[in-house]
Amino acid sequence: MKYIDLHVHSNRSDGTDSPAELVKRAAARGLSAVALTDHDTVNGIEEAIQAAKLESQAGRSIQIIPGIEISAGYKQRDIHILGLFIQWNNLDLKNALEIAIQSRERRNEEMVSRLRKAGISITIDDLRNQEPDTVITRAHFARFLTEQGYVHSKAEAFEKYLNPSTPYYVPRSYIEPSKAISLIKNSGGIAILAHPLLYEHTLQETKILMETVIHHGIEGFEAIYSSHSDSDEQLVRSFAKKHHLLITGGSDYHGSNKPLIQLGTGRGNLKIPYSILESLEDYLKSRIK
């Protein structure tokens, strides 16, 4: 059996592996394909593709799926739309991502200001951790606060400083789900709702969410996921089948920022068959026709 991972993050957003390191790790683990899906940025894709060429020359063939994970607003919170097989140099996509990144930067600067007023010595450069191209997320704040001894764990950092109930949290402005979906599809990609059961909704609210994004043109759901039980996976598969949509699978690997989640295998038992990728490729061919 050949296995894949269609949801991974590098240090271009909130992962800890560089795109090249991530590709090398994936090849060493025997994966046949990975999708680099960093948050609101495509800056790591070219590096990943070049790294895959080096792996191929060394006899370890691995396919890189250009991807993205766009944060979109839904009921005063965010949901994540994966784009797979995107044309990452598409100007409309890159311009929209640049606006999203600028919004993130304004939010991060305000959060840094609030933390400094609380006596925490922190700067934006501290969060970049010598990675000037990284898109800063709350994971970067959590890592800094933990490494500098302000908290004992990243979980404590989120609880004490980074969740919406704290005075240090600053809400972001998000693009609409319909806009995120159209950006992905207009750049040649397939639009997928990431981890549908991870948004802390009731089952009924989750179904409403899934029906809403279907209305906006979503093409599939991430059914195979690190935190899904068998029944969770079956629920998402059934919903996708009912609406004649695709399914995908991914670990949501972030390196040491999520140490319990391994590339390709998630929490240890994740298996995403290559046939999932073949179905996506067949769908793309049919959509072109």
C-alpha atoms as a PDB file:
ATOM      1  CA  MET A   1       0.000   0.000   0.000  1.00  0.00           C
ATOM      2  CA  LYS A   2       1.096   3.550  -0.778  1.00  0.00           C
ATOM      3  CA  TYR A   3       0.187   6.261   1.715  1.00  0.00           C
ATOM      4  CA  ILE A   4      -0.053  10.045   1.568  1.00  0.00           C
ATOM      5  CA  ASP A   5      -0.626  13.092   3.796  1.00  0.00           C
ATOM      6  CA  LEU A   6      -2.689  15.976   2.420  1.00  0.00           C
ATOM      7  CA  HIS A   7      -2.476  18.412   5.345  1.00  0.00           C
ATOM      8  CA  VAL A   8       0.952  19.427   6.672  1.00  0.00           C
ATOM      9  CA  HIS A   9       2.574  22.663   7.858  1.00  0.00           C
ATOM     10  CA  SER A  10       6.104  24.018   7.594  1.00  0.00           C
ATOM     11  CA  ASN A  11       7.845  26.877   9.357  1.00  0.00           C
ATOM     12  CA  ARG A  12       6.467  29.205   6.706  1.00  0.00           C
ATOM     13  CA  SER A  13       3.439  29.269   9.006  1.00  0.00           C
ATOM     14  CA  ASP A  14       3.169  27.505  12.367  1.00  0.00           C
ATOM     15  CA  GLY A  15       5.122  24.303  11.771  1.00  0.00           C
ATOM     16  CA  THR A  16       8.719  23.825  12.895  1.00  0.00           C
ATOM     17  CA  ASP A  17      10.236  21.965   9.907  1.00  0.00           C
ATOM     18  CA  SER A  18      11.400  23.917   6.889  1.00  0.00           C
ATOM     19  CA  PRO A  19       9.669  22.882   3.661  1.00  0.00           C
ATOM     20  CA  ALA A  20      12.818  20.987   2.611  1.00  0.00           C
ATOM     21  CA  GLU A  21      13.111  19.249   5.978  1.00  0.00           C
ATOM     22  CA  LEU A  22       9.454  18.305   5.822  1.00  0.00           C
ATOM     23  CA  VAL A  23       9.844  16.741   2.362  1.00  0.00           C
ATOM     24  CA  LYS A  24      12.946  14.843   3.453  1.00  0.00           C
ATOM     25  CA  ARG A  25      11.112  13.544   6.518  1.00  0.00           C
ATOM     26  CA  ALA A  26       8.092  12.508   4.439  1.00  0.00           C
ATOM     27  CA  ALA A  27      10.276  10.624   1.962  1.00  0.00           C
ATOM     28  CA  ALA A  28      12.126   8.887   4.793  1.00  0.00           C
ATOM     29  CA  ARG A  29       8.786   7.769   6.222  1.00  0.00           C
ATOM     30  CA  GLY A  30       7.886   6.239   2.872  1.00  0.00           C
ATOM     31  CA  LEU A  31       5.052   8.580   1.943  1.00  0.00           C
ATOM     32  CA  SER A  32       4.197   8.771  -1.744  1.00  0.00           C
ATOM     33  CA  ALA A  33       2.799  12.311  -1.642  1.00  0.00           C
ATOM     34  CA  VAL A  34       2.321  15.254   0.724  1.00  0.00           C
ATOM     35  CA  ALA A  35       0.366  18.495   0.381  1.00  0.00           C
ATOM     36  CA  LEU A  36       2.043  21.536   1.896  1.00  0.00           C
ATOM     37  CA  THR A  37      -0.899  23.527   3.290  1.00  0.00           C
ATOM     38  CA  ASP A  38       0.549  26.401   5.293  1.00  0.00           C
ATOM     39  CA  HIS A  39      -1.774  28.986   6.813  1.00  0.00           C
ATOM     40  CA  ASP A  40      -2.537  31.827   4.400  1.00  0.00           C
ATOM     41  CA  THR A  41       0.800  31.535   2.577  1.00  0.00           C
ATOM     42  CA  VAL A  42       2.291  29.715  -0.409  1.00  0.00           C
ATOM     43  CA  ASN A  43       5.859  30.825   0.315  1.00  0.00           C
ATOM     44  CA  GLY A  44       7.149  27.327   1.054  1.00  0.00           C
ATOM     45  CA  ILE A  45       5.847  25.515  -2.002  1.00  0.00           C
ATOM     46  CA  GLU A  46       8.735  26.179  -4.379  1.00  0.00           C
ATOM     47  CA  GLU A  47      11.256  25.006  -1.768  1.00  0.00           C
ATOM     48  CA  ALA A  48       9.226  21.846  -1.190  1.00  0.00           C
ATOM     49  CA  ILE A  49       9.091  21.067  -4.906  1.00  0.00           C
ATOM     50  CA  GLN A  50      12.844  21.527  -5.290  1.00  0.00           C
ATOM     51  CA  ALA A  51      13.463  19.320  -2.255  1.00  0.00           C
ATOM     52  CA  ALA A  52      11.280  16.612  -3.800  1.00  0.00           C
ATOM     53  CA  LYS A  53      13.445  16.700  -6.942  1.00  0.00           C
ATOM     54  CA  LEU A  54      16.529  16.061  -4.802  1.00  0.00           C
ATOM     55  CA  GLU A  55      14.786  13.172  -3.061  1.00  0.00           C
ATOM     56  CA  SER A  56      13.846  11.713  -6.444  1.00  0.00           C
ATOM     57  CA  GLN A  57      17.478  11.897  -7.588  1.00  0.00           C
ATOM     58  CA  ALA A  58      18.384   9.945  -4.453  1.00  0.00           C
ATOM     59  CA  GLY A  59      15.844   7.252  -5.326  1.00  0.00           C
ATOM     60  CA  ARG A  60      13.086   8.376  -2.966  1.00  0.00           C
ATOM     61  CA  SER A  61      10.242   9.546  -5.204  1.00  0.00           C
ATOM     62  CA  ILE A  62       7.652  11.770  -3.526  1.00  0.00           C
ATOM     63  CA  GLN A  63       4.933  13.953  -5.054  1.00  0.00           C
ATOM     64  CA  ILE A  64       4.329  17.473  -3.718  1.00  0.00           C
ATOM     65  CA  ILE A  65       0.764  18.783  -3.900  1.00  0.00           C
ATOM     66  CA  PRO A  66       0.761  22.604  -3.842  1.00  0.00           C
ATOM     67  CA  GLY A  67      -1.701  23.636  -1.163  1.00  0.00           C
ATOM     68  CA  ILE A  68      -2.954  26.293   1.223  1.00  0.00           C
ATOM     69  CA  GLU A  69      -5.078  26.491   4.378  1.00  0.00           C
ATOM     70  CA  ILE A  70      -7.126  29.684   4.342  1.00  0.00           C
ATOM     71  CA  SER A  71      -8.746  30.972   7.524  1.00  0.00           C
ATOM     72  CA  ALA A  72     -12.289  32.180   6.840  1.00  0.00           C
ATOM     73  CA  GLY A  73     -14.847  33.792   9.149  1.00  0.00           C
ATOM     74  CA  TYR A  74     -17.898  31.870  10.300  1.00  0.00           C
ATOM     75  CA  LYS A  75     -20.170  32.990  13.181  1.00  0.00           C
ATOM     76  CA  GLN A  76     -17.555  35.191  14.880  1.00  0.00           C
ATOM     77  CA  ARG A  77     -14.931  32.436  14.702  1.00  0.00           C
ATOM     78  CA  ASP A  78     -12.754  30.934  12.009  1.00  0.00           C
ATOM     79  CA  ILE A  79     -12.998  27.836   9.879  1.00  0.00           C
ATOM     80  CA  HIS A  80     -10.253  26.495   7.640  1.00  0.00           C
ATOM     81  CA  ILE A  81     -10.557  25.884   3.915  1.00  0.00           C
ATOM     82  CA  LEU A  82      -7.891  23.692   2.345  1.00  0.00           C
ATOM     83  CA  GLY A  83      -6.889  24.261  -1.251  1.00  0.00           C
ATOM     84  CA  LEU A  84      -5.205  21.328  -3.008  1.00  0.00           C
ATOM     85  CA  PHE A  85      -3.498  21.436  -6.425  1.00  0.00           C
ATOM     86  CA  ILE A  86      -3.553  25.222  -6.439  1.00  0.00           C
ATOM     87  CA  GLN A  87      -1.620  27.292  -8.968  1.00  0.00           C
ATOM     88  CA  TRP A  88       0.363  29.001  -6.234  1.00  0.00           C
ATOM     89  CA  ASN A  89       1.553  31.885  -8.424  1.00  0.00           C
ATOM     90  CA  ASN A  90      -2.015  32.910  -9.268  1.00  0.00           C
ATOM     91  CA  LEU A  91      -2.076  36.702  -8.786  1.00  0.00           C
ATOM     92  CA  ASP A  92      -5.599  36.965  -7.368  1.00  0.00           C
ATOM     93  CA  LEU A  93      -4.763  34.288  -4.800  1.00  0.00           C
ATOM     94  CA  LYS A  94      -1.434  35.853  -3.839  1.00  0.00           C
ATOM     95  CA  ASN A  95      -2.972  39.325  -3.521  1.00  0.00           C
ATOM     96  CA  ALA A  96      -5.750  38.028  -1.273  1.00  0.00           C
ATOM     97  CA  LEU A  97      -3.232  36.145   0.851  1.00  0.00           C
ATOM     98  CA  GLU A  98      -1.120  39.274   1.199  1.00  0.00           C
ATOM     99  CA  ILE A  99      -4.141  41.152   2.551  1.00  0.00           C
ATOM    100  CA  ALA A 100      -4.819  38.294   4.992  1.00  0.00           C
ATOM    101  CA  ILE A 101      -1.207  38.328   6.153  1.00  0.00           C
ATOM    102  CA  GLN A 102      -1.312  42.098   6.691  1.00  0.00           C
ATOM    103  CA  SER A 103      -4.415  41.600   8.843  1.00  0.00           C
ATOM    104  CA  ARG A 104      -2.583  38.941  10.846  1.00  0.00           C
ATOM    105  CA  GLU A 105       0.399  41.272  11.313  1.00  0.00           C
ATOM    106  CA  ARG A 106      -1.757  44.111  12.658  1.00  0.00           C
ATOM    107  CA  ARG A 107      -3.400  41.680  15.060  1.00  0.00           C
ATOM    108  CA  ASN A 108      -0.041  40.235  16.165  1.00  0.00           C
ATOM    109  CA  GLU A 109       1.390  43.701  16.806  1.00  0.00           C
ATOM    110  CA  GLU A 110      -1.571  44.560  19.034  1.00  0.00           C
ATOM    111  CA  MET A 111      -1.246  41.285  20.950  1.00  0.00           C
ATOM    112  CA  VAL A 112       2.477  41.932  21.444  1.00  0.00           C
ATOM    113  CA  SER A 113       1.639  45.421  22.734  1.00  0.00           C
ATOM    114  CA  ARG A 114      -0.884  44.058  25.234  1.00  0.00           C
ATOM    115  CA  LEU A 115       1.538  41.391  26.476  1.00  0.00           C
ATOM    116  CA  ARG A 116       4.319  43.955  26.893  1.00  0.00           C
ATOM    117  CA  LYS A 117       2.011  46.128  28.988  1.00  0.00           C
ATOM    118  CA  ALA A 118       1.482  43.070  31.186  1.00  0.00           C
ATOM    119  CA  GLY A 119       5.229  42.884  31.826  1.00  0.00           C
ATOM    120  CA  ILE A 120       6.190  40.271  29.231  1.00  0.00           C
ATOM    121  CA  SER A 121       9.322  41.098  27.251  1.00  0.00           C
ATOM    122  CA  ILE A 122       8.289  40.152  23.724  1.00  0.00           C
ATOM    123  CA  THR A 123       8.735  41.520  20.203  1.00  0.00           C
ATOM    124  CA  ILE A 124       7.591  40.505  16.740  1.00  0.00           C
ATOM    125  CA  ASP A 125      11.186  39.496  15.928  1.00  0.00           C
ATOM    126  CA  ASP A 126      11.139  37.145  18.910  1.00  0.00           C
ATOM    127  CA  LEU A 127       8.128  35.393  17.409  1.00  0.00           C
ATOM    128  CA  ARG A 128       9.708  35.043  13.979  1.00  0.00           C
ATOM    129  CA  ASN A 129      12.487  33.002  15.569  1.00  0.00           C
ATOM    130  CA  GLN A 130      14.940  33.899  12.780  1.00  0.00           C
ATOM    131  CA  GLU A 131      12.415  32.926  10.078  1.00  0.00           C
ATOM    132  CA  PRO A 132      11.599  36.235   8.338  1.00  0.00           C
ATOM    133  CA  ASP A 133       9.111  34.662   5.909  1.00  0.00           C
ATOM    134  CA  THR A 134       7.000  32.895   8.501  1.00  0.00           C
ATOM    135  CA  VAL A 135       3.323  33.753   8.973  1.00  0.00           C
ATOM    136  CA  ILE A 136       2.977  34.327  12.707  1.00  0.00           C
ATOM    137  CA  THR A 137       0.100  32.540  14.438  1.00  0.00           C
ATOM    138  CA  ARG A 138      -0.856  32.048  18.072  1.00  0.00           C
ATOM    139  CA  ALA A 139       1.337  28.931  18.043  1.00  0.00           C
ATOM    140  CA  HIS A 140       4.370  31.211  17.778  1.00  0.00           C
ATOM    141  CA  PHE A 141       3.201  33.154  20.847  1.00  0.00           C
ATOM    142  CA  ALA A 142       2.657  29.903  22.746  1.00  0.00           C
ATOM    143  CA  ARG A 143       6.115  28.603  21.875  1.00  0.00           C
ATOM    144  CA  PHE A 144       7.789  31.860  22.946  1.00  0.00           C
ATOM    145  CA  LEU A 145       5.895  32.083  26.232  1.00  0.00           C
ATOM    146  CA  THR A 146       6.806  28.475  27.037  1.00  0.00           C
ATOM    147  CA  GLU A 147      10.473  28.720  26.037  1.00  0.00           C
ATOM    148  CA  GLN A 148      10.924  31.943  28.019  1.00  0.00           C
ATOM    149  CA  GLY A 149       9.396  30.432  31.150  1.00  0.00           C
ATOM    150  CA  TYR A 150       6.283  32.592  31.396  1.00  0.00           C
ATOM    151  CA  VAL A 151       4.205  29.387  31.355  1.00  0.00           C
ATOM    152  CA  HIS A 152       4.944  25.696  31.826  1.00  0.00           C
ATOM    153  CA  SER A 153       3.348  24.479  28.612  1.00  0.00           C
ATOM    154  CA  LYS A 154       1.849  25.645  25.350  1.00  0.00           C
ATOM    155  CA  ALA A 155      -1.560  24.590  26.639  1.00  0.00           C
ATOM    156  CA  GLU A 156      -1.113  26.918  29.613  1.00  0.00           C
ATOM    157  CA  ALA A 157      -0.062  29.710  27.234  1.00  0.00           C
ATOM    158  CA  PHE A 158      -3.311  29.379  25.326  1.00  0.00           C
ATOM    159  CA  GLU A 159      -5.353  29.206  28.517  1.00  0.00           C
ATOM    160  CA  LYS A 160      -3.688  32.158  30.247  1.00  0.00           C
ATOM    161  CA  TYR A 161      -2.818  34.491  27.382  1.00  0.00           C
ATOM    162  CA  LEU A 162      -4.109  33.434  23.973  1.00  0.00           C
ATOM    163  CA  ASN A 163      -7.769  32.437  24.129  1.00  0.00           C
ATOM    164  CA  PRO A 164     -10.621  34.872  23.462  1.00  0.00           C
ATOM    165  CA  SER A 165     -11.523  35.200  27.154  1.00  0.00           C
ATOM    166  CA  THR A 166      -8.173  36.832  28.009  1.00  0.00           C
ATOM    167  CA  PRO A 167      -7.441  40.578  27.781  1.00  0.00           C
ATOM    168  CA  TYR A 168      -4.431  39.865  25.532  1.00  0.00           C
ATOM    169  CA  TYR A 169      -6.380  38.215  22.739  1.00  0.00           C
ATOM    170  CA  VAL A 170      -7.159  40.294  19.659  1.00  0.00           C
ATOM    171  CA  PRO A 171      -9.741  39.003  17.163  1.00  0.00           C
ATOM    172  CA  ARG A 172      -8.804  38.808  13.510  1.00  0.00           C
ATOM    173  CA  SER A 173     -10.755  39.961  10.506  1.00  0.00           C
ATOM    174  CA  TYR A 174     -11.391  37.067   8.149  1.00  0.00           C
ATOM    175  CA  ILE A 175     -12.449  36.685   4.552  1.00  0.00           C
ATOM    176  CA  GLU A 176     -15.808  35.056   3.878  1.00  0.00           C
ATOM    177  CA  PRO A 177     -15.916  31.281   3.240  1.00  0.00           C
ATOM    178  CA  SER A 178     -17.378  31.916  -0.216  1.00  0.00           C
ATOM    179  CA  LYS A 179     -14.394  34.128  -1.068  1.00  0.00           C
ATOM    180  CA  ALA A 180     -11.874  31.569   0.187  1.00  0.00           C
ATOM    181  CA  ILE A 181     -13.534  28.817  -1.826  1.00  0.00           C
ATOM    182  CA  SER A 182     -13.674  30.881  -5.009  1.00  0.00           C
ATOM    183  CA  LEU A 183     -10.025  31.923  -4.646  1.00  0.00           C
ATOM    184  CA  ILE A 184      -8.979  28.290  -4.434  1.00  0.00           C
ATOM    185  CA  LYS A 185     -11.137  27.122  -7.320  1.00  0.00           C
ATOM    186  CA  ASN A 186     -10.205  30.069  -9.535  1.00  0.00           C
ATOM    187  CA  SER A 187      -6.543  29.210  -8.974  1.00  0.00           C
ATOM    188  CA  GLY A 188      -7.176  25.695 -10.285  1.00  0.00           C
ATOM    189  CA  GLY A 189      -7.378  24.055  -6.876  1.00  0.00           C
ATOM    190  CA  ILE A 190      -9.879  21.845  -5.088  1.00  0.00           C
ATOM    191  CA  ALA A 191     -11.628  23.439  -2.094  1.00  0.00           C
ATOM    192  CA  ILE A 192     -11.958  21.215   0.992  1.00  0.00           C
ATOM    193  CA  LEU A 193     -13.372  21.980   4.449  1.00  0.00           C
ATOM    194  CA  ALA A 194     -10.597  21.034   6.880  1.00  0.00           C
ATOM    195  CA  HIS A 195     -11.387  18.937   9.982  1.00  0.00           C
ATOM    196  CA  PRO A 196     -15.175  19.597  10.043  1.00  0.00           C
ATOM    197  CA  LEU A 197     -15.590  18.198  13.566  1.00  0.00           C
ATOM    198  CA  LEU A 198     -12.900  20.358  15.169  1.00  0.00           C
ATOM    199  CA  TYR A 199     -14.837  23.617  15.478  1.00  0.00           C
ATOM    200  CA  GLU A 200     -16.511  22.919  18.853  1.00  0.00           C
ATOM    201  CA  HIS A 201     -19.984  22.806  17.349  1.00  0.00           C
ATOM    202  CA  THR A 202     -22.843  20.493  18.200  1.00  0.00           C
ATOM    203  CA  LEU A 203     -23.601  17.803  15.649  1.00  0.00           C
ATOM    204  CA  GLN A 204     -26.520  19.840  14.318  1.00  0.00           C
ATOM    205  CA  GLU A 205     -24.376  22.983  14.083  1.00  0.00           C
ATOM    206  CA  THR A 206     -21.687  20.985  12.274  1.00  0.00           C
ATOM    207  CA  LYS A 207     -24.193  19.791   9.702  1.00  0.00           C
ATOM    208  CA  ILE A 208     -25.363  23.374   9.185  1.00  0.00           C
ATOM    209  CA  LEU A 209     -21.738  24.446   8.697  1.00  0.00           C
ATOM    210  CA  MET A 210     -21.173  21.691   6.145  1.00  0.00           C
ATOM    211  CA  GLU A 211     -24.372  22.560   4.295  1.00  0.00           C
ATOM    212  CA  THR A 212     -23.360  26.236   4.309  1.00  0.00           C
ATOM    213  CA  VAL A 213     -19.989  25.616   2.691  1.00  0.00           C
ATOM    214  CA  ILE A 214     -21.621  23.261   0.181  1.00  0.00           C
ATOM    215  CA  HIS A 215     -23.859  26.169  -0.789  1.00  0.00           C
ATOM    216  CA  HIS A 216     -20.709  28.267  -1.300  1.00  0.00           C
ATOM    217  CA  GLY A 217     -19.127  25.647  -3.570  1.00  0.00           C
ATOM    218  CA  ILE A 218     -17.009  23.420  -1.338  1.00  0.00           C
ATOM    219  CA  GLU A 219     -15.885  20.281  -3.159  1.00  0.00           C
ATOM    220  CA  GLY A 220     -15.055  17.937  -0.314  1.00  0.00           C
ATOM    221  CA  PHE A 221     -14.413  17.298   3.368  1.00  0.00           C
ATOM    222  CA  GLU A 222     -11.384  16.163   5.325  1.00  0.00           C
ATOM    223  CA  ALA A 223     -12.675  12.841   6.637  1.00  0.00           C
ATOM    224  CA  ILE A 224      -9.441  11.078   7.624  1.00  0.00           C
ATOM    225  CA  TYR A 225      -7.817  13.153  10.365  1.00  0.00           C
ATOM    226  CA  SER A 226      -5.528  12.691  13.352  1.00  0.00           C
ATOM    227  CA  SER A 227      -8.167  13.302  16.018  1.00  0.00           C
ATOM    228  CA  HIS A 228     -11.037  11.452  14.291  1.00  0.00           C
ATOM    229  CA  SER A 229     -12.436   8.256  15.726  1.00  0.00           C
ATOM    230  CA  ASP A 230     -13.784   5.620  13.363  1.00  0.00           C
ATOM    231  CA  SER A 231     -17.283   6.955  13.933  1.00  0.00           C
ATOM    232  CA  ASP A 232     -16.118  10.543  13.267  1.00  0.00           C
ATOM    233  CA  GLU A 233     -14.596   9.487   9.971  1.00  0.00           C
ATOM    234  CA  GLN A 234     -17.697   7.563   8.990  1.00  0.00           C
ATOM    235  CA  LEU A 235     -19.911  10.554   9.796  1.00  0.00           C
ATOM    236  CA  VAL A 236     -17.922  12.832   7.486  1.00  0.00           C
ATOM    237  CA  ARG A 237     -17.668  10.172   4.785  1.00  0.00           C
ATOM    238  CA  SER A 238     -21.426   9.639   4.877  1.00  0.00           C
ATOM    239  CA  PHE A 239     -22.147  13.352   4.610  1.00  0.00           C
ATOM    240  CA  ALA A 240     -19.771  13.678   1.663  1.00  0.00           C
ATOM    241  CA  LYS A 241     -21.305  10.664  -0.056  1.00  0.00           C
ATOM    242  CA  LYS A 242     -24.812  12.020   0.451  1.00  0.00           C
ATOM    243  CA  HIS A 243     -23.846  15.229  -1.343  1.00  0.00           C
ATOM    244  CA  HIS A 244     -21.609  13.548  -3.969  1.00  0.00           C
ATOM    245  CA  LEU A 245     -18.475  15.276  -2.691  1.00  0.00           C
ATOM    246  CA  LEU A 246     -14.844  14.274  -2.285  1.00  0.00           C
ATOM    247  CA  ILE A 247     -13.040  13.200   0.856  1.00  0.00           C
ATOM    248  CA  THR A 248      -9.431  13.852   1.795  1.00  0.00           C
ATOM    249  CA  GLY A 249      -7.170  13.005   4.685  1.00  0.00           C
ATOM    250  CA  GLY A 250      -4.320  14.640   6.553  1.00  0.00           C
ATOM    251  CA  SER A 251      -2.391  14.534   9.784  1.00  0.00           C
ATOM    252  CA  ASP A 252      -2.236  18.330  10.330  1.00  0.00           C
ATOM    253  CA  TYR A 253       1.444  17.854  11.104  1.00  0.00           C
ATOM    254  CA  HIS A 254       3.183  20.851  12.730  1.00  0.00           C
ATOM    255  CA  GLY A 255       6.479  19.345  13.854  1.00  0.00           C
ATOM    256  CA  SER A 256       7.400  19.973  17.485  1.00  0.00           C
ATOM    257  CA  ASN A 257       4.541  22.463  17.874  1.00  0.00           C
ATOM    258  CA  LYS A 258       2.210  19.443  17.953  1.00  0.00           C
ATOM    259  CA  PRO A 259       4.580  16.716  19.161  1.00  0.00           C
ATOM    260  CA  LEU A 260       1.924  14.012  19.456  1.00  0.00           C
ATOM    261  CA  ILE A 261       1.102  14.229  15.738  1.00  0.00           C
ATOM    262  CA  GLN A 262       3.503  12.515  13.366  1.00  0.00           C
ATOM    263  CA  LEU A 263       3.831  13.096   9.644  1.00  0.00           C
ATOM    264  CA  GLY A 264       1.701  10.611   7.736  1.00  0.00           C
ATOM    265  CA  THR A 265       0.511   8.647  10.772  1.00  0.00           C
ATOM    266  CA  GLY A 266      -0.978  11.329  13.015  1.00  0.00           C
ATOM    267  CA  ARG A 267      -1.310   9.993  16.537  1.00  0.00           C
ATOM    268  CA  GLY A 268      -0.019   6.622  15.405  1.00  0.00           C
ATOM    269  CA  ASN A 269      -2.764   4.911  13.461  1.00  0.00           C
ATOM    270  CA  LEU A 270      -3.580   7.319  10.638  1.00  0.00           C
ATOM    271  CA  LYS A 271      -3.531   5.757   7.168  1.00  0.00           C
ATOM    272  CA  ILE A 272      -4.451   7.781   4.100  1.00  0.00           C
ATOM    273  CA  PRO A 273      -4.375   5.568   1.010  1.00  0.00           C
ATOM    274  CA  TYR A 274      -2.983   6.742  -2.302  1.00  0.00           C
ATOM    275  CA  SER A 275      -6.389   6.042  -3.857  1.00  0.00           C
ATOM    276  CA  ILE A 276      -7.630   9.264  -2.189  1.00  0.00           C
ATOM    277  CA  LEU A 277      -5.132  11.225  -4.256  1.00  0.00           C
ATOM    278  CA  GLU A 278      -6.101   9.362  -7.418  1.00  0.00           C
ATOM    279  CA  SER A 279      -9.748  10.291  -6.853  1.00  0.00           C
ATOM    280  CA  LEU A 280      -8.775  13.957  -6.513  1.00  0.00           C
ATOM    281  CA  GLU A 281      -6.728  13.840  -9.700  1.00  0.00           C
ATOM    282  CA  ASP A 282      -9.588  12.166 -11.581  1.00  0.00           C
ATOM    283  CA  TYR A 283     -11.939  14.858 -10.317  1.00  0.00           C
ATOM    284  CA  LEU A 284      -9.619  17.591 -11.558  1.00  0.00           C
ATOM    285  CA  LYS A 285      -9.481  16.012 -15.004  1.00  0.00           C
ATOM    286  CA  SER A 286     -13.274  15.790 -15.154  1.00  0.00           C
ATOM    287  CA  ARG A 287     -13.632  19.408 -14.026  1.00  0.00           C
ATOM    288  CA  ILE A 288     -11.344  20.576 -16.823  1.00  0.00           C
ATOM    289  CA  LYS A 289     -13.477  18.723 -19.354  1.00  0.00           C
END
